[in-house]
N, C-alpha and C. Protein backbone atom coordinates (compact mmCIF):
# COMPACT_ATOMS: atom_id res chain seq x y z
N MET A 1 0.60 -1.19 0.18
CA MET A 1 -0.10 0.00 0.01
C MET A 1 0.99 1.54 -0.06
N ASP A 2 1.80 1.40 0.73
CA ASP A 2 2.90 2.26 0.79
C ASP A 2 3.32 2.66 -0.26
N ILE A 3 4.02 1.64 -1.33
CA ILE A 3 3.96 1.77 -2.56
C ILE A 3 3.25 2.66 -3.70
N LEU A 4 1.94 2.58 -3.15
CA LEU A 4 0.57 2.76 -4.41
C LEU A 4 0.73 3.66 -4.01
N TYR A 5 0.75 4.53 -2.65
CA TYR A 5 0.25 6.24 -1.81
C TYR A 5 1.75 6.51 -2.71
N ARG A 6 3.03 6.10 -2.75
CA ARG A 6 3.99 6.37 -2.92
C ARG A 6 3.89 7.13 -4.80
N LEU A 7 3.30 6.23 -5.72
CA LEU A 7 3.46 6.25 -6.94
C LEU A 7 2.19 7.41 -6.97
N GLN A 8 1.16 7.50 -6.41
CA GLN A 8 -0.15 8.55 -6.46
C GLN A 8 0.65 9.96 -6.22
N ARG A 9 1.30 9.97 -5.23
CA ARG A 9 2.28 11.53 -4.82
C ARG A 9 2.86 11.84 -5.99
N LEU A 10 3.56 10.70 -6.75
CA LEU A 10 4.18 11.73 -7.66
C LEU A 10 3.91 11.64 -9.44
N GLY A 11 2.31 11.44 -8.71
CA GLY A 11 1.36 11.79 -9.68
C GLY A 11 1.37 10.82 -11.00
N LEU A 12 1.64 9.36 -10.70
CA LEU A 12 0.71 8.53 -11.69
C LEU A 12 -1.00 8.00 -11.38
N TYR A 13 -1.11 7.77 -12.38
CA TYR A 13 -2.60 7.37 -12.42
C TYR A 13 -2.65 5.55 -11.68
N VAL A 14 -3.15 5.79 -10.38
CA VAL A 14 -3.56 4.43 -9.82
C VAL A 14 -4.70 3.87 -10.05
N ILE A 15 -4.98 2.50 -10.60
CA ILE A 15 -5.76 1.88 -10.24
C ILE A 15 -6.15 0.63 -9.72
N ASN A 16 -6.66 0.25 -8.88
CA ASN A 16 -7.92 1.14 -7.86
C ASN A 16 -6.95 2.08 -7.28
N PRO A 17 -6.97 3.35 -6.87
CA PRO A 17 -6.47 4.19 -5.63
C PRO A 17 -6.57 3.07 -4.29
N PRO A 18 -5.40 3.82 -3.91
CA PRO A 18 -4.87 3.02 -2.29
C PRO A 18 -6.09 2.84 -1.60
N GLU A 19 -6.55 4.31 -1.44
CA GLU A 19 -7.39 4.26 -0.54
C GLU A 19 -8.62 3.33 -0.46
N ALA A 20 -9.23 3.87 -1.84
CA ALA A 20 -10.10 2.30 -2.38
C ALA A 20 -10.46 1.09 -1.80
N ILE A 21 -8.73 0.56 -2.15
CA ILE A 21 -8.08 -0.72 -1.83
C ILE A 21 -8.28 -1.16 -0.19
N GLU A 22 -8.05 0.21 0.57
CA GLU A 22 -8.16 -0.20 2.38
C GLU A 22 -9.46 -0.03 2.57
N HIS A 23 -10.66 0.83 2.14
CA HIS A 23 -11.88 0.43 2.23
C HIS A 23 -12.65 -0.88 2.08
N CYS A 24 -12.19 -1.07 0.93
CA CYS A 24 -12.54 -2.91 0.44
C CYS A 24 -12.21 -3.60 1.56
N VAL A 25 -10.79 -3.94 1.68
CA VAL A 25 -10.02 -4.15 2.90
C VAL A 25 -10.99 -4.65 3.92
N ASP A 26 -11.17 -3.82 4.55
CA ASP A 26 -11.87 -3.65 6.16
C ASP A 26 -13.54 -3.94 5.69
N LYS A 27 -13.92 -5.26 6.07
CA LYS A 27 -15.68 -5.18 5.72
C LYS A 27 -16.35 -4.28 6.44
N TYR A 28 -15.62 -4.05 7.49
CA TYR A 28 -16.69 -3.15 8.24
C TYR A 28 -16.93 -1.94 8.11
N ASP A 29 -15.36 -1.36 7.49
CA ASP A 29 -15.39 0.26 6.96
C ASP A 29 -16.28 0.23 5.77
N LEU A 30 -16.16 -0.57 5.09
CA LEU A 30 -17.04 -1.10 3.70
C LEU A 30 -18.46 -0.40 3.93
N LEU A 31 -19.14 -1.60 4.93
CA LEU A 31 -20.59 -1.58 5.04
C LEU A 31 -20.78 -0.35 5.45
N ALA A 32 -19.99 0.04 6.11
CA ALA A 32 -20.35 1.29 7.30
C ALA A 32 -20.67 2.71 5.98
N ILE A 33 -20.10 2.46 4.81
CA ILE A 33 -19.71 3.73 4.30
C ILE A 33 -21.15 3.10 3.35
N LEU A 34 -21.35 2.34 3.05
CA LEU A 34 -22.54 1.83 1.98
C LEU A 34 -23.37 2.14 2.94
N GLU A 35 -23.64 2.13 4.23
CA GLU A 35 -25.23 2.06 4.93
C GLU A 35 -25.06 3.69 4.97
N ASP A 36 -24.03 4.16 5.42
CA ASP A 36 -24.28 5.69 5.46
C ASP A 36 -24.91 6.58 4.58
N ASN A 37 -24.52 5.78 2.99
CA ASN A 37 -25.02 6.28 1.97
C ASN A 37 -26.59 5.73 1.20
N GLY A 38 -27.21 5.00 2.04
CA GLY A 38 -28.74 4.38 1.60
C GLY A 38 -28.59 2.65 0.84
N ILE A 39 -26.78 2.22 0.78
CA ILE A 39 -27.03 1.27 0.19
C ILE A 39 -27.38 0.09 1.23
N PRO A 40 -28.51 -0.56 0.86
CA PRO A 40 -28.95 -2.06 2.05
C PRO A 40 -27.72 -2.89 2.44
N VAL A 41 -27.59 -2.73 3.19
CA VAL A 41 -26.47 -3.53 3.60
C VAL A 41 -26.88 -5.27 4.66
N PRO A 42 -26.52 -6.45 5.09
CA PRO A 42 -26.70 -7.30 6.12
C PRO A 42 -26.40 -6.17 7.52
N CYS A 43 -27.31 -6.72 8.42
CA CYS A 43 -26.68 -6.66 10.15
C CYS A 43 -25.48 -6.83 9.95
N THR A 44 -24.79 -6.38 10.66
CA THR A 44 -23.69 -5.87 11.15
C THR A 44 -22.91 -6.02 12.61
N ALA A 45 -22.34 -7.17 13.09
CA ALA A 45 -21.82 -6.08 14.68
C ALA A 45 -20.49 -6.42 14.40
N VAL A 46 -19.63 -5.45 15.46
CA VAL A 46 -17.95 -5.35 15.27
C VAL A 46 -17.91 -5.62 16.78
N THR A 47 -16.79 -6.41 17.88
CA THR A 47 -16.68 -6.02 18.81
C THR A 47 -15.03 -6.88 19.25
N GLU A 48 -14.71 -6.58 19.89
CA GLU A 48 -13.45 -7.30 20.55
C GLU A 48 -13.45 -7.97 21.96
N ASN A 49 -14.93 -7.34 22.15
CA ASN A 49 -15.65 -7.77 23.62
C ASN A 49 -16.45 -9.31 23.57
N VAL A 50 -16.62 -10.58 24.44
CA VAL A 50 -17.44 -11.25 23.95
C VAL A 50 -18.60 -11.35 24.47
N ASP A 51 -18.66 -10.92 25.91
CA ASP A 51 -20.20 -10.56 25.84
C ASP A 51 -21.34 -9.81 25.05
N GLU A 52 -20.43 -8.76 24.60
CA GLU A 52 -20.57 -7.89 23.56
C GLU A 52 -21.25 -8.89 22.11
N ALA A 53 -20.33 -9.35 22.00
CA ALA A 53 -20.50 -10.46 20.64
C ALA A 53 -21.67 -11.67 21.22
N LEU A 54 -21.42 -11.71 22.40
CA LEU A 54 -22.91 -13.34 22.65
C LEU A 54 -24.20 -12.16 22.27
N LYS A 55 -24.41 -11.28 23.21
CA LYS A 55 -25.41 -10.12 22.93
C LYS A 55 -25.58 -9.94 21.54
N ALA A 56 -24.77 -9.33 20.34
CA ALA A 56 -25.00 -9.15 19.20
C ALA A 56 -25.64 -10.56 18.92
N PHE A 57 -25.28 -12.12 18.85
CA PHE A 57 -25.38 -12.97 18.57
C PHE A 57 -27.00 -13.23 18.30
N ASN A 58 -27.47 -12.68 19.41
CA ASN A 58 -28.59 -12.98 20.15
C ASN A 58 -29.76 -12.13 19.25
N GLU A 59 -28.87 -10.80 19.51
CA GLU A 59 -29.92 -10.05 18.69
C GLU A 59 -30.12 -10.21 17.12
N LEU A 60 -29.24 -11.19 16.47
CA LEU A 60 -28.82 -11.11 14.80
C LEU A 60 -29.56 -12.52 14.93
N GLY A 61 -30.37 -12.95 15.50
CA GLY A 61 -31.29 -14.43 15.54
C GLY A 61 -30.65 -15.44 15.70
N GLU A 62 -29.49 -15.30 15.76
CA GLU A 62 -28.86 -16.81 16.81
C GLU A 62 -28.30 -17.61 15.51
N ASP A 63 -27.72 -17.13 13.96
CA ASP A 63 -27.46 -17.34 13.14
C ASP A 63 -26.88 -16.64 12.42
N VAL A 64 -25.77 -16.45 12.62
CA VAL A 64 -24.73 -15.78 11.99
C VAL A 64 -23.12 -16.00 11.18
N ILE A 65 -22.53 -15.17 10.75
CA ILE A 65 -21.74 -15.97 10.23
C ILE A 65 -20.36 -14.63 10.57
N VAL A 66 -19.53 -15.51 11.40
CA VAL A 66 -18.51 -15.10 11.72
C VAL A 66 -17.28 -14.78 10.61
N LYS A 67 -16.68 -13.89 10.35
CA LYS A 67 -15.60 -13.35 9.36
C LYS A 67 -14.59 -12.78 9.95
N PRO A 68 -13.40 -13.16 9.34
CA PRO A 68 -12.10 -12.44 9.52
C PRO A 68 -12.56 -11.07 8.94
N ILE A 69 -12.42 -9.72 9.53
CA ILE A 69 -12.52 -8.46 8.93
C ILE A 69 -11.79 -7.97 8.08
N PHE A 70 -10.43 -8.93 7.88
CA PHE A 70 -9.18 -8.93 7.05
C PHE A 70 -9.81 -9.70 6.48
N GLY A 71 -9.91 -10.57 4.73
CA GLY A 71 -10.48 -11.40 4.22
C GLY A 71 -10.77 -11.84 3.30
N SER A 72 -10.54 -12.84 2.32
CA SER A 72 -11.40 -13.02 0.99
C SER A 72 -11.59 -14.20 0.77
N ARG A 73 -12.14 -14.66 -0.63
CA ARG A 73 -12.79 -15.73 -0.93
C ARG A 73 -13.51 -16.75 0.07
N GLY A 74 -14.37 -15.71 1.35
CA GLY A 74 -15.06 -16.87 2.03
C GLY A 74 -13.99 -17.61 2.89
N ILE A 75 -12.51 -17.89 2.48
CA ILE A 75 -11.30 -18.42 3.39
C ILE A 75 -11.81 -17.79 5.52
N GLY A 76 -12.78 -18.82 6.29
CA GLY A 76 -11.64 -18.36 7.77
C GLY A 76 -13.48 -18.01 7.99
N SER A 77 -14.16 -17.87 7.11
CA SER A 77 -16.27 -17.37 7.09
C SER A 77 -16.57 -18.66 7.62
N THR A 78 -17.33 -18.63 9.14
CA THR A 78 -17.86 -19.98 9.61
C THR A 78 -19.02 -19.13 10.37
N ARG A 79 -20.00 -20.30 9.83
CA ARG A 79 -21.71 -19.81 10.35
C ARG A 79 -21.67 -20.52 11.39
N LEU A 80 -22.44 -19.75 12.25
CA LEU A 80 -22.70 -20.19 13.79
C LEU A 80 -24.64 -20.19 13.91
N LYS A 81 -24.61 -21.17 14.70
CA LYS A 81 -25.95 -21.29 15.09
C LYS A 81 -26.24 -21.61 16.28
N ASP A 82 -25.13 -22.09 17.08
CA ASP A 82 -25.53 -22.68 18.53
C ASP A 82 -24.68 -21.92 19.51
N PRO A 83 -25.23 -20.87 20.94
CA PRO A 83 -24.56 -20.49 21.76
C PRO A 83 -23.47 -20.42 21.93
N GLU A 84 -23.47 -21.67 22.57
CA GLU A 84 -21.86 -22.23 23.23
C GLU A 84 -20.85 -22.22 22.43
N ILE A 85 -20.97 -22.52 21.02
CA ILE A 85 -20.08 -23.04 20.37
C ILE A 85 -19.64 -21.34 19.40
N ALA A 86 -20.82 -20.57 19.78
CA ALA A 86 -20.21 -18.97 19.41
C ALA A 86 -19.47 -18.07 20.19
N SER A 87 -19.99 -19.00 21.80
CA SER A 87 -19.32 -18.24 23.37
C SER A 87 -17.60 -18.93 23.03
N THR A 88 -17.44 -20.19 22.70
CA THR A 88 -15.83 -20.67 22.20
C THR A 88 -15.03 -20.05 21.61
N ILE A 89 -15.53 -19.81 20.02
CA ILE A 89 -15.12 -18.87 19.46
C ILE A 89 -14.53 -17.69 19.48
N SER A 90 -15.70 -17.00 19.91
CA SER A 90 -15.94 -15.72 20.30
C SER A 90 -14.50 -15.51 21.39
N ARG A 91 -14.45 -16.34 22.45
CA ARG A 91 -13.10 -16.54 23.31
C ARG A 91 -12.03 -16.57 22.48
N ALA A 92 -12.44 -17.46 21.93
CA ALA A 92 -10.95 -17.83 20.83
C ALA A 92 -10.39 -16.79 20.30
N ILE A 93 -10.50 -16.00 19.86
CA ILE A 93 -10.95 -14.46 18.75
C ILE A 93 -10.06 -13.81 19.79
N THR A 94 -10.76 -13.75 20.94
CA THR A 94 -10.13 -12.46 21.53
C THR A 94 -8.64 -13.16 22.39
N PHE A 95 -8.78 -13.80 22.95
CA PHE A 95 -7.75 -14.71 23.20
C PHE A 95 -6.24 -14.32 22.11
N TYR A 96 -6.63 -14.67 21.05
CA TYR A 96 -5.46 -13.72 19.79
C TYR A 96 -5.56 -12.48 19.65
N HIS A 97 -6.52 -11.58 20.43
CA HIS A 97 -6.24 -10.26 20.28
C HIS A 97 -7.01 -9.68 19.28
N GLY A 98 -7.72 -10.54 18.65
CA GLY A 98 -8.63 -10.33 17.49
C GLY A 98 -9.81 -9.70 17.69
N VAL A 99 -10.84 -9.34 16.32
CA VAL A 99 -12.24 -8.50 16.79
C VAL A 99 -12.95 -9.62 15.90
N ILE A 100 -13.86 -9.82 16.74
CA ILE A 100 -14.99 -10.52 16.55
C ILE A 100 -16.07 -9.79 15.47
N TYR A 101 -16.34 -10.34 14.34
CA TYR A 101 -16.81 -9.60 13.48
C TYR A 101 -18.28 -10.93 13.19
N LEU A 102 -19.31 -10.04 13.14
CA LEU A 102 -20.73 -10.77 13.16
C LEU A 102 -21.35 -10.15 11.99
N GLN A 103 -22.03 -11.18 11.37
CA GLN A 103 -23.39 -10.56 10.34
C GLN A 103 -23.87 -11.83 10.39
N GLU A 104 -25.44 -10.65 10.33
CA GLU A 104 -26.62 -11.84 9.97
C GLU A 104 -26.71 -12.79 9.33
N PHE A 105 -27.11 -14.38 8.71
CA PHE A 105 -26.69 -14.85 7.85
C PHE A 105 -28.36 -14.35 7.35
N VAL A 106 -28.00 -14.45 5.84
CA VAL A 106 -29.19 -14.18 4.89
C VAL A 106 -29.50 -15.14 4.47
N HIS A 107 -30.74 -15.54 4.40
CA HIS A 107 -31.16 -16.95 3.51
C HIS A 107 -31.18 -16.31 2.02
N HIS A 108 -30.05 -16.83 1.23
CA HIS A 108 -30.43 -16.67 -0.48
C HIS A 108 -30.33 -17.90 -1.06
N GLY A 109 -30.69 -18.86 -0.34
CA GLY A 109 -31.01 -19.78 -1.84
C GLY A 109 -29.47 -20.62 -2.09
N PHE A 110 -28.50 -20.20 -1.47
CA PHE A 110 -27.03 -20.91 -2.25
C PHE A 110 -26.51 -19.97 -3.43
N SER A 111 -27.22 -19.31 -3.26
CA SER A 111 -26.57 -18.20 -4.42
C SER A 111 -26.64 -16.47 -4.44
N ASP A 112 -25.84 -15.86 -4.76
CA ASP A 112 -25.58 -14.78 -5.15
C ASP A 112 -25.11 -14.02 -6.48
N ILE A 113 -25.18 -13.26 -6.81
CA ILE A 113 -24.66 -12.43 -7.85
C ILE A 113 -23.68 -11.15 -7.98
N ARG A 114 -22.74 -11.21 -8.87
CA ARG A 114 -21.28 -10.73 -8.68
C ARG A 114 -21.82 -9.68 -9.96
N ALA A 115 -21.70 -8.29 -9.77
CA ALA A 115 -21.37 -7.54 -10.69
C ALA A 115 -20.16 -6.72 -11.17
N PHE A 116 -19.97 -6.91 -12.12
CA PHE A 116 -18.26 -6.50 -12.52
C PHE A 116 -18.59 -5.36 -13.08
N VAL A 117 -18.13 -4.04 -12.60
CA VAL A 117 -17.97 -2.84 -12.44
C VAL A 117 -17.14 -2.32 -12.96
N VAL A 118 -16.66 -1.43 -13.93
CA VAL A 118 -15.69 -1.09 -14.86
C VAL A 118 -15.96 0.62 -15.05
N GLY A 119 -15.81 1.25 -14.56
CA GLY A 119 -16.11 3.04 -14.74
C GLY A 119 -17.38 3.29 -14.11
N ASP A 120 -18.30 3.80 -14.68
CA ASP A 120 -19.57 3.95 -14.39
C ASP A 120 -20.44 2.98 -15.21
N ARG A 121 -20.03 1.77 -15.75
CA ARG A 121 -21.31 0.57 -16.31
C ARG A 121 -20.85 -0.89 -16.02
N VAL A 122 -21.95 -1.68 -15.50
CA VAL A 122 -21.59 -2.81 -15.18
C VAL A 122 -21.07 -3.45 -16.39
N VAL A 123 -20.39 -4.18 -16.74
CA VAL A 123 -20.04 -4.80 -17.97
C VAL A 123 -20.07 -5.88 -18.19
N ALA A 124 -20.31 -6.97 -17.02
CA ALA A 124 -21.10 -7.98 -16.92
C ALA A 124 -21.50 -8.64 -15.80
N ALA A 125 -22.59 -9.64 -15.23
CA ALA A 125 -22.57 -9.96 -13.89
C ALA A 125 -23.01 -11.24 -14.19
N MET A 126 -23.21 -12.18 -13.41
CA MET A 126 -23.38 -13.55 -13.42
C MET A 126 -24.06 -13.69 -11.82
N ARG A 127 -24.65 -15.28 -11.84
CA ARG A 127 -25.16 -15.73 -10.75
C ARG A 127 -24.13 -17.02 -10.06
N ARG A 128 -23.86 -17.25 -9.06
CA ARG A 128 -23.11 -17.60 -8.40
C ARG A 128 -23.51 -19.00 -8.01
N VAL A 129 -23.94 -20.00 -8.19
CA VAL A 129 -24.67 -21.21 -6.92
C VAL A 129 -24.07 -22.47 -6.70
N ALA A 130 -23.95 -22.65 -5.60
CA ALA A 130 -22.92 -23.37 -4.59
C ALA A 130 -23.74 -24.66 -4.05
N ASN A 131 -23.63 -25.74 -3.47
CA ASN A 131 -23.72 -26.41 -2.60
C ASN A 131 -24.18 -26.13 -1.58
N SER A 132 -23.73 -25.14 -0.82
CA SER A 132 -23.82 -24.71 0.58
C SER A 132 -24.22 -23.06 0.39
N TRP A 133 -23.84 -21.97 1.62
CA TRP A 133 -24.01 -21.13 1.86
C TRP A 133 -22.76 -19.89 1.84
N LYS A 134 -21.62 -21.16 0.83
CA LYS A 134 -20.69 -20.23 1.18
C LYS A 134 -20.76 -20.10 -0.97
N THR A 135 -20.83 -18.59 -1.40
CA THR A 135 -21.01 -19.02 -3.14
C THR A 135 -19.85 -18.32 -3.71
N ASN A 136 -18.86 -18.49 -3.00
CA ASN A 136 -17.73 -18.17 -3.83
C ASN A 136 -17.17 -18.60 -5.03
N TYR A 137 -16.60 -18.50 -6.43
CA TYR A 137 -16.33 -19.11 -7.04
C TYR A 137 -15.11 -19.71 -6.78
N SER A 138 -14.02 -19.45 -6.09
CA SER A 138 -13.04 -20.29 -5.59
C SER A 138 -13.53 -21.41 -4.68
N GLN A 139 -14.40 -21.24 -4.08
CA GLN A 139 -14.95 -22.23 -3.45
C GLN A 139 -15.67 -23.52 -4.01
N GLY A 140 -15.88 -23.34 -5.62
CA GLY A 140 -16.60 -24.31 -6.27
C GLY A 140 -17.70 -24.23 -6.59
N ALA A 141 -18.37 -22.84 -6.49
CA ALA A 141 -19.66 -22.14 -6.57
C ALA A 141 -19.83 -22.25 -8.21
N ARG A 142 -20.71 -22.49 -9.02
CA ARG A 142 -21.36 -22.57 -10.32
C ARG A 142 -21.17 -21.41 -10.73
N PRO A 143 -20.55 -20.70 -11.70
CA PRO A 143 -21.18 -19.61 -12.65
C PRO A 143 -22.08 -19.21 -13.48
N GLU A 144 -23.32 -18.76 -13.68
CA GLU A 144 -24.62 -18.82 -14.49
C GLU A 144 -24.49 -17.34 -15.05
N PRO A 145 -24.57 -17.37 -16.78
CA PRO A 145 -24.90 -15.83 -17.12
C PRO A 145 -26.40 -15.33 -16.18
N LEU A 146 -26.35 -14.07 -16.30
CA LEU A 146 -27.22 -13.26 -15.85
C LEU A 146 -27.20 -11.76 -16.17
N ARG A 147 -28.23 -11.08 -16.45
CA ARG A 147 -28.49 -10.07 -16.99
C ARG A 147 -29.09 -9.30 -15.71
N LEU A 148 -28.75 -8.13 -15.56
CA LEU A 148 -29.13 -7.68 -14.00
C LEU A 148 -30.46 -6.43 -14.46
N ASP A 149 -31.25 -6.03 -13.45
CA ASP A 149 -32.24 -5.39 -13.67
C ASP A 149 -31.49 -3.80 -13.34
N LYS A 150 -32.27 -2.61 -14.26
CA LYS A 150 -31.68 -1.29 -13.79
C LYS A 150 -31.41 -1.38 -12.58
N SER A 151 -32.18 -1.17 -11.57
CA SER A 151 -31.91 -1.02 -10.07
C SER A 151 -30.80 -1.93 -9.18
N MET A 152 -30.75 -3.02 -9.73
CA MET A 152 -29.35 -3.69 -9.31
C MET A 152 -28.01 -3.28 -9.94
N GLU A 153 -28.29 -2.72 -11.08
CA GLU A 153 -27.20 -2.32 -11.98
C GLU A 153 -26.76 -1.01 -11.39
N GLU A 154 -27.81 0.08 -11.08
CA GLU A 154 -27.81 1.66 -10.21
C GLU A 154 -27.18 1.44 -8.80
N MET A 155 -26.83 0.21 -8.12
CA MET A 155 -27.04 -0.35 -6.87
C MET A 155 -25.16 -0.43 -6.92
N ALA A 156 -24.92 -1.90 -7.72
CA ALA A 156 -23.80 -1.96 -7.73
C ALA A 156 -23.14 -0.82 -8.23
N ILE A 157 -23.40 -0.12 -9.37
CA ILE A 157 -22.42 1.23 -9.71
C ILE A 157 -22.23 2.07 -8.75
N LYS A 158 -23.02 2.87 -7.96
CA LYS A 158 -23.48 3.36 -6.67
C LYS A 158 -22.33 3.29 -5.44
N SER A 159 -22.11 1.56 -5.51
CA SER A 159 -21.31 1.08 -4.39
C SER A 159 -19.99 1.14 -4.80
N ALA A 160 -19.77 0.82 -6.29
CA ALA A 160 -18.41 1.01 -6.46
C ALA A 160 -17.74 2.64 -6.33
N LYS A 161 -18.46 3.22 -6.52
CA LYS A 161 -18.78 4.98 -6.94
C LYS A 161 -17.89 5.15 -5.33
N LEU A 162 -18.93 4.91 -4.46
CA LEU A 162 -18.99 5.46 -2.91
C LEU A 162 -17.71 5.21 -2.78
N ILE A 163 -16.97 3.67 -3.11
CA ILE A 163 -15.98 3.43 -2.66
C ILE A 163 -14.59 4.00 -3.10
N GLU A 164 -15.06 4.87 -4.32
CA GLU A 164 -13.59 5.26 -5.67
C GLU A 164 -13.26 3.83 -5.62
N CYS A 165 -14.05 2.79 -6.39
CA CYS A 165 -13.61 2.09 -7.09
C CYS A 165 -13.94 2.02 -8.66
N LYS A 166 -12.77 2.10 -9.32
CA LYS A 166 -12.84 1.78 -10.84
C LYS A 166 -13.29 0.98 -11.71
N ILE A 167 -12.27 -0.10 -10.87
CA ILE A 167 -12.52 -1.50 -11.02
C ILE A 167 -13.35 -2.21 -10.20
N ALA A 168 -14.57 -3.04 -10.07
CA ALA A 168 -14.73 -3.31 -8.55
C ALA A 168 -15.34 -4.87 -9.23
N GLY A 169 -15.82 -5.43 -8.52
CA GLY A 169 -16.55 -6.36 -8.12
C GLY A 169 -17.45 -6.38 -7.11
N VAL A 170 -19.16 -5.95 -7.44
CA VAL A 170 -20.04 -5.86 -6.22
C VAL A 170 -20.74 -7.28 -6.19
N ASP A 171 -20.52 -7.85 -4.70
CA ASP A 171 -21.48 -8.87 -4.39
C ASP A 171 -22.78 -8.65 -3.92
N ILE A 172 -23.46 -9.19 -4.67
CA ILE A 172 -25.34 -8.83 -4.13
C ILE A 172 -25.77 -9.98 -3.71
N LEU A 173 -26.76 -10.44 -2.53
CA LEU A 173 -27.56 -11.14 -1.75
C LEU A 173 -28.61 -10.79 -2.00
N GLU A 174 -29.40 -11.82 -2.63
CA GLU A 174 -31.20 -11.34 -2.64
C GLU A 174 -31.55 -12.04 -1.41
N SER A 175 -31.97 -11.46 -0.42
CA SER A 175 -32.73 -11.87 0.69
C SER A 175 -34.11 -11.16 0.67
N PRO A 176 -34.72 -12.07 1.55
CA PRO A 176 -36.21 -11.77 2.02
C PRO A 176 -36.44 -9.99 1.60
N ARG A 177 -35.66 -8.76 2.31
CA ARG A 177 -36.12 -8.04 2.15
C ARG A 177 -35.51 -7.24 1.25
N GLY A 178 -35.00 -7.64 0.20
CA GLY A 178 -34.74 -7.18 -1.01
C GLY A 178 -33.26 -7.34 -1.43
N PRO A 179 -32.64 -6.87 -2.08
CA PRO A 179 -30.94 -7.37 -2.63
C PRO A 179 -29.84 -6.20 -1.54
N LEU A 180 -29.28 -6.73 -1.00
CA LEU A 180 -27.81 -6.59 0.03
C LEU A 180 -26.77 -6.54 -0.67
N VAL A 181 -26.02 -5.57 -0.41
CA VAL A 181 -24.47 -5.49 -0.74
C VAL A 181 -23.46 -6.17 0.34
N VAL A 182 -23.02 -7.23 -0.16
CA VAL A 182 -22.07 -7.73 0.97
C VAL A 182 -20.72 -7.51 0.78
N GLU A 183 -20.10 -7.05 -0.58
CA GLU A 183 -18.67 -6.52 -0.31
C GLU A 183 -18.79 -5.85 -1.98
N VAL A 184 -17.65 -4.93 -1.29
CA VAL A 184 -17.54 -4.70 -2.75
C VAL A 184 -15.80 -4.92 -3.18
N ASN A 185 -15.36 -5.35 -4.31
CA ASN A 185 -13.73 -6.11 -4.33
C ASN A 185 -13.14 -4.84 -5.04
N SER A 186 -12.35 -4.57 -4.54
CA SER A 186 -10.94 -3.62 -5.49
C SER A 186 -10.43 -4.43 -6.26
N GLN A 187 -9.98 -5.61 -6.08
CA GLN A 187 -9.67 -6.55 -7.41
C GLN A 187 -10.22 -7.89 -7.64
N PRO A 188 -11.18 -7.99 -8.11
CA PRO A 188 -11.70 -9.00 -8.76
C PRO A 188 -11.41 -9.66 -9.77
N GLY A 189 -11.47 -11.10 -9.56
CA GLY A 189 -10.80 -11.97 -10.75
C GLY A 189 -12.07 -11.93 -11.37
N TRP A 190 -12.12 -12.38 -12.62
CA TRP A 190 -12.72 -12.58 -13.49
C TRP A 190 -13.01 -14.16 -14.21
N ARG A 191 -12.29 -14.91 -13.88
CA ARG A 191 -12.01 -16.09 -14.86
C ARG A 191 -13.80 -16.87 -14.97
N GLY A 192 -14.15 -17.08 -13.75
CA GLY A 192 -15.63 -17.59 -13.62
C GLY A 192 -16.70 -16.79 -14.56
N LEU A 193 -16.64 -15.64 -14.41
CA LEU A 193 -17.53 -14.67 -15.11
C LEU A 193 -17.19 -14.44 -16.37
N GLN A 194 -16.15 -14.72 -17.06
CA GLN A 194 -15.17 -14.35 -18.20
C GLN A 194 -16.06 -15.89 -19.08
N SER A 195 -16.26 -16.82 -18.30
CA SER A 195 -16.79 -17.96 -19.12
C SER A 195 -18.34 -18.35 -19.20
N VAL A 196 -19.25 -17.30 -18.85
CA VAL A 196 -20.35 -17.13 -19.08
C VAL A 196 -21.09 -15.97 -19.61
N THR A 197 -19.92 -14.89 -20.02
CA THR A 197 -20.53 -13.40 -21.03
C THR A 197 -19.66 -13.58 -22.24
N ARG A 198 -20.44 -13.02 -23.29
CA ARG A 198 -19.59 -13.08 -24.60
C ARG A 198 -18.42 -11.50 -24.24
N VAL A 199 -18.76 -11.03 -23.45
CA VAL A 199 -18.26 -9.41 -23.67
C VAL A 199 -16.64 -9.45 -22.85
N ASN A 200 -15.81 -9.19 -23.25
CA ASN A 200 -14.65 -9.86 -23.48
C ASN A 200 -13.77 -8.67 -21.78
N ILE A 201 -13.86 -9.12 -21.01
CA ILE A 201 -13.57 -8.45 -20.13
C ILE A 201 -12.38 -7.62 -19.50
N ALA A 202 -11.23 -8.32 -20.03
CA ALA A 202 -9.91 -7.69 -20.61
C ALA A 202 -10.29 -6.67 -21.24
N ASP A 203 -10.83 -6.78 -22.15
CA ASP A 203 -10.37 -5.98 -23.38
C ASP A 203 -11.25 -4.49 -22.44
N GLU A 204 -12.23 -4.85 -21.90
CA GLU A 204 -13.32 -3.59 -21.40
C GLU A 204 -12.57 -2.84 -20.30
N ILE A 205 -11.39 -3.59 -19.23
CA ILE A 205 -10.73 -2.91 -18.54
C ILE A 205 -9.55 -2.03 -19.25
N VAL A 206 -8.66 -2.77 -20.38
CA VAL A 206 -7.79 -1.93 -21.28
C VAL A 206 -8.68 -0.77 -21.78
N ASP A 207 -9.65 -0.85 -22.21
CA ASP A 207 -10.32 0.56 -23.12
C ASP A 207 -10.35 1.31 -22.01
N PHE A 208 -11.31 0.64 -20.89
CA PHE A 208 -11.37 1.97 -19.61
C PHE A 208 -9.96 2.98 -19.07
N VAL A 209 -9.11 2.10 -19.03
CA VAL A 209 -7.76 2.75 -18.51
C VAL A 209 -7.23 3.35 -19.54
N LEU A 210 -6.80 3.34 -20.70
CA LEU A 210 -6.86 3.75 -21.71
C LEU A 210 -7.60 5.10 -22.35
N SER A 211 -8.80 5.03 -22.20
CA SER A 211 -9.88 6.12 -21.90
C SER A 211 -9.39 7.08 -20.16
N GLU A 212 -9.15 6.62 -19.74
CA GLU A 212 -9.07 7.48 -18.45
C GLU A 212 -7.54 8.29 -18.86
N LEU A 213 -6.55 7.57 -19.26
CA LEU A 213 -5.15 7.67 -19.20
C LEU A 213 -5.23 9.61 -20.09
N LYS A 214 -6.45 9.30 -21.16
CA LYS A 214 -6.01 10.49 -22.30
C LYS A 214 -6.84 11.66 -21.43
N LYS A 215 -7.69 11.77 -20.28
CA LYS A 215 -8.40 12.86 -19.79
C LYS A 215 -7.39 13.94 -19.31
């Protein structure tokens, strides 16, 4: 990150800017920015106190996802539905001076949506279908082609812009109360997405970068 900041100070054009990457890496910071600007997100609690974590576990319906506050690809995420196990894991996290990050479990039918934003457009999207609640492509989810409706496109584009991401993978869950943005990825892969779209995503990125450099 220090190198990216230095390149930026030297006047080089950096995509994505380091500030955007930092927002995306910190899950709570990301969701706070989105929620403060009217983007619906899952109910989330962050604490370093075991008692507060168990209180949040109860308030979130005793069905939560515990995630590393910094992480990706679903690695380290665990679903908790048992108060005793929730207590044990919370104590283990605090023992190692970690932050307890709890998020309501959103019933989503074992699928989610990835919208790939380049500039002010969603250039492609897919539905990821899994055999469990983890819908990451890297965890074995199956990509399916998808055409987003206008409202979901606008949600994805607005989410990326709020974080100042020029290129982003926006992950959306379709919940009983409507679509929720779960993550904005500042360094999105597109291997799975490319397999289900005719759009050449690499070309879209190159064309966008060249157009930005001409400004």
